[in-house]
């Protein structure tokens, strides 16, 4: 459908070489790039990002798209946990056919795509900032400590053991 409408589809990401070759033969109008060292040049050239996954679970690629200012069209189930609103900061679809129709409908609607990517960025900018996440975590640890009668009893042991501990988080 996309090729028939003159819309190019490029898929970037690692896959077994034999699998990629099979996809290239089966779908000759799709550009299956394969693994790249840096996806940013590909994202800069894209008009929008697709998340066609039918599996739930948080996907960092959703944040990659948001923070690279790409409007997102996605399967409804694909991006749980993202603070995006259907029709305001993301396009959500219930089937691959509907997703493809959405691409055809929206590909040249620059005002809507620009508004969606701006709204998605605004919705995620503070929510996924590590400083804010760390402050939120410390606030809840302190609150739990104040509410727990056993926390005071064990706090000195925990504090002594954890002074050199580091959080496993990063950008």
Protein backbone atom coordinates (compact mmCIF):
# COMPACT_ATOMS: atom_id res chain seq x y z
CA UNK A 1 0.00 0.00 0.00
CA UNK A 2 2.76 2.47 0.91
CA UNK A 3 4.77 1.88 -2.27
CA UNK A 4 1.59 2.22 -4.33
CA UNK A 5 1.09 5.64 -2.74
CA UNK A 6 4.71 6.65 -3.43
CA UNK A 7 5.74 6.43 0.22
CA UNK A 8 9.14 4.92 1.01
CA UNK A 9 9.60 2.66 4.01
CA UNK A 10 13.02 2.22 5.57
CA UNK A 11 13.68 -0.31 8.33
CA UNK A 12 16.86 0.19 10.35
CA UNK A 13 18.02 -2.35 12.90
CA UNK A 14 19.98 -5.50 13.43
CA UNK A 15 18.73 -8.85 12.15
CA UNK A 16 20.31 -12.07 10.96
CA UNK A 17 21.72 -11.57 7.44
CA UNK A 18 19.74 -14.48 5.96
CA UNK A 19 16.54 -13.12 7.48
CA UNK A 20 17.23 -9.65 6.05
CA UNK A 21 17.89 -11.10 2.61
CA UNK A 22 14.61 -12.98 2.75
CA UNK A 23 12.77 -9.79 3.68
CA UNK A 24 14.46 -7.88 0.87
CA UNK A 25 13.35 -10.51 -1.66
CA UNK A 26 9.81 -10.68 -0.27
CA UNK A 27 9.37 -6.89 0.01
CA UNK A 28 11.56 -5.32 -2.70
CA UNK A 29 10.04 -1.85 -2.26
CA UNK A 30 11.15 -1.65 1.40
CA UNK A 31 14.68 -0.50 2.22
CA UNK A 32 15.94 -2.93 4.89
CA UNK A 33 19.14 -1.22 6.04
CA UNK A 34 20.19 -3.62 8.80
CA UNK A 35 22.49 -2.71 11.66
CA UNK A 36 24.05 0.75 11.73
CA UNK A 37 26.49 2.32 14.18
CA UNK A 38 24.39 5.46 14.53
CA UNK A 39 20.65 5.69 13.81
CA UNK A 40 20.49 9.47 14.15
CA UNK A 41 21.20 10.25 10.47
CA UNK A 42 18.36 7.93 9.52
CA UNK A 43 16.04 9.57 12.02
CA UNK A 44 16.95 13.03 10.70
CA UNK A 45 15.86 11.94 7.21
CA UNK A 46 12.59 10.33 8.35
CA UNK A 47 9.29 12.15 8.21
CA UNK A 48 7.75 9.98 10.91
CA UNK A 49 8.50 6.90 13.00
CA UNK A 50 6.51 3.69 13.08
CA UNK A 51 6.20 1.32 16.03
CA UNK A 52 4.42 -1.70 14.51
CA UNK A 53 5.09 -4.04 17.45
CA UNK A 54 2.25 -6.22 18.65
CA UNK A 55 4.01 -6.95 21.93
CA UNK A 56 3.65 -4.71 24.95
CA UNK A 57 6.49 -3.64 27.19
CA UNK A 58 8.26 -0.31 27.43
CA UNK A 59 10.39 0.45 24.40
CA UNK A 60 13.30 2.85 24.52
CA UNK A 61 12.92 3.41 20.79
CA UNK A 62 9.77 5.37 21.59
CA UNK A 63 11.86 7.79 23.64
CA UNK A 64 14.50 7.85 20.90
CA UNK A 65 11.83 8.98 18.46
CA UNK A 66 10.40 11.58 20.86
CA UNK A 67 13.77 13.10 21.72
CA UNK A 68 14.82 13.12 18.07
CA UNK A 69 11.62 15.05 17.35
CA UNK A 70 9.97 12.41 15.16
CA UNK A 71 6.18 12.16 15.15
CA UNK A 72 5.11 8.60 16.04
CA UNK A 73 2.49 6.30 14.57
CA UNK A 74 2.19 3.13 16.61
CA UNK A 75 0.17 0.06 17.33
CA UNK A 76 -2.04 0.82 20.32
CA UNK A 77 -0.34 -1.82 22.52
CA UNK A 78 3.25 -1.02 21.54
CA UNK A 79 4.24 1.89 23.82
CA UNK A 80 2.78 1.43 27.30
CA UNK A 81 4.13 3.77 29.94
CA UNK A 82 4.69 6.65 27.57
CA UNK A 83 2.76 9.78 28.56
CA UNK A 84 1.41 10.34 25.06
CA UNK A 85 -2.17 11.14 24.10
CA UNK A 86 -3.85 9.66 21.07
CA UNK A 87 -4.57 12.29 18.44
CA UNK A 88 -2.60 14.96 20.32
CA UNK A 89 0.95 13.60 20.58
CA UNK A 90 0.79 10.20 18.84
CA UNK A 91 -1.23 8.26 16.31
CA UNK A 92 -2.44 4.89 17.67
CA UNK A 93 -3.83 2.06 15.57
CA UNK A 94 -5.41 -1.34 16.19
CA UNK A 95 -4.09 -3.20 13.13
CA UNK A 96 -1.21 -3.03 10.69
CA UNK A 97 -3.65 -2.23 7.89
CA UNK A 98 -4.99 0.73 9.89
CA UNK A 99 -1.39 1.82 10.66
CA UNK A 100 -0.55 1.80 6.94
CA UNK A 101 -3.73 3.78 6.18
CA UNK A 102 -2.72 6.23 8.90
CA UNK A 103 0.67 6.71 7.26
CA UNK A 104 -0.99 7.46 3.92
CA UNK A 105 -3.42 9.89 5.56
CA UNK A 106 -0.84 11.71 7.68
CA UNK A 107 2.44 11.64 5.71
CA UNK A 108 1.90 15.09 4.20
CA UNK A 109 -0.03 16.65 7.10
CA UNK A 110 2.93 18.68 8.34
CA UNK A 111 0.98 20.88 10.78
CA UNK A 112 -0.47 17.85 12.57
CA UNK A 113 2.81 15.87 12.55
CA UNK A 114 4.73 18.89 13.87
CA UNK A 115 2.14 19.48 16.58
CA UNK A 116 2.27 15.82 17.61
CA UNK A 117 6.06 15.71 17.87
CA UNK A 118 6.12 18.96 19.85
CA UNK A 119 3.43 17.69 22.23
CA UNK A 120 5.22 14.33 22.62
CA UNK A 121 8.49 16.09 23.42
CA UNK A 122 6.79 18.36 25.96
CA UNK A 123 5.08 15.36 27.60
CA UNK A 124 8.35 13.44 27.95
CA UNK A 125 11.01 16.12 28.51
CA UNK A 126 10.64 16.41 32.28
CA UNK A 127 9.22 12.97 32.96
CA UNK A 128 12.31 11.14 31.69
CA UNK A 129 14.96 13.55 33.00
CA UNK A 130 17.37 11.62 35.26
CA UNK A 131 17.71 14.48 37.77
CA UNK A 132 13.96 14.58 38.23
CA UNK A 133 13.70 10.79 38.41
CA UNK A 134 16.45 10.73 41.07
CA UNK A 135 14.76 13.43 43.14
CA UNK A 136 11.45 11.57 42.90
CA UNK A 137 13.13 8.31 43.97
CA UNK A 138 14.85 9.93 46.98
CA UNK A 139 11.59 11.62 48.00
CA UNK A 140 9.77 8.28 48.02
CA UNK A 141 12.58 6.49 49.86
CA UNK A 142 12.47 9.17 52.58
CA UNK A 143 8.69 8.92 52.76
CA UNK A 144 8.84 5.14 53.08
CA UNK A 145 11.54 5.48 55.74
CA UNK A 146 9.35 7.84 57.79
CA UNK A 147 6.35 5.50 57.54
CA UNK A 148 8.16 2.24 58.29
CA UNK A 149 8.77 1.27 61.95
CA UNK A 150 11.42 -1.28 60.88
CA UNK A 151 13.23 1.19 58.64
CA UNK A 152 14.61 3.12 61.62
CA UNK A 153 15.91 -0.02 63.25
CA UNK A 154 17.76 -1.10 60.08
CA UNK A 155 18.63 2.34 58.73
CA UNK A 156 22.08 2.64 60.33
CA UNK A 157 23.17 -0.73 58.93
CA UNK A 158 21.82 0.13 55.50
CA UNK A 159 23.34 3.61 55.49
CA UNK A 160 26.79 2.35 56.44
CA UNK A 161 26.72 -0.35 53.79
CA UNK A 162 25.36 1.90 51.08
CA UNK A 163 27.54 4.99 51.27
CA UNK A 164 29.66 3.83 48.38
CA UNK A 165 26.78 2.31 46.44
CA UNK A 166 25.87 3.80 43.06
CA UNK A 167 22.55 3.84 41.27
CA UNK A 168 22.46 1.87 38.06
CA UNK A 169 20.94 4.58 35.91
CA UNK A 170 22.23 6.77 33.20
CA UNK A 171 21.53 8.56 29.99
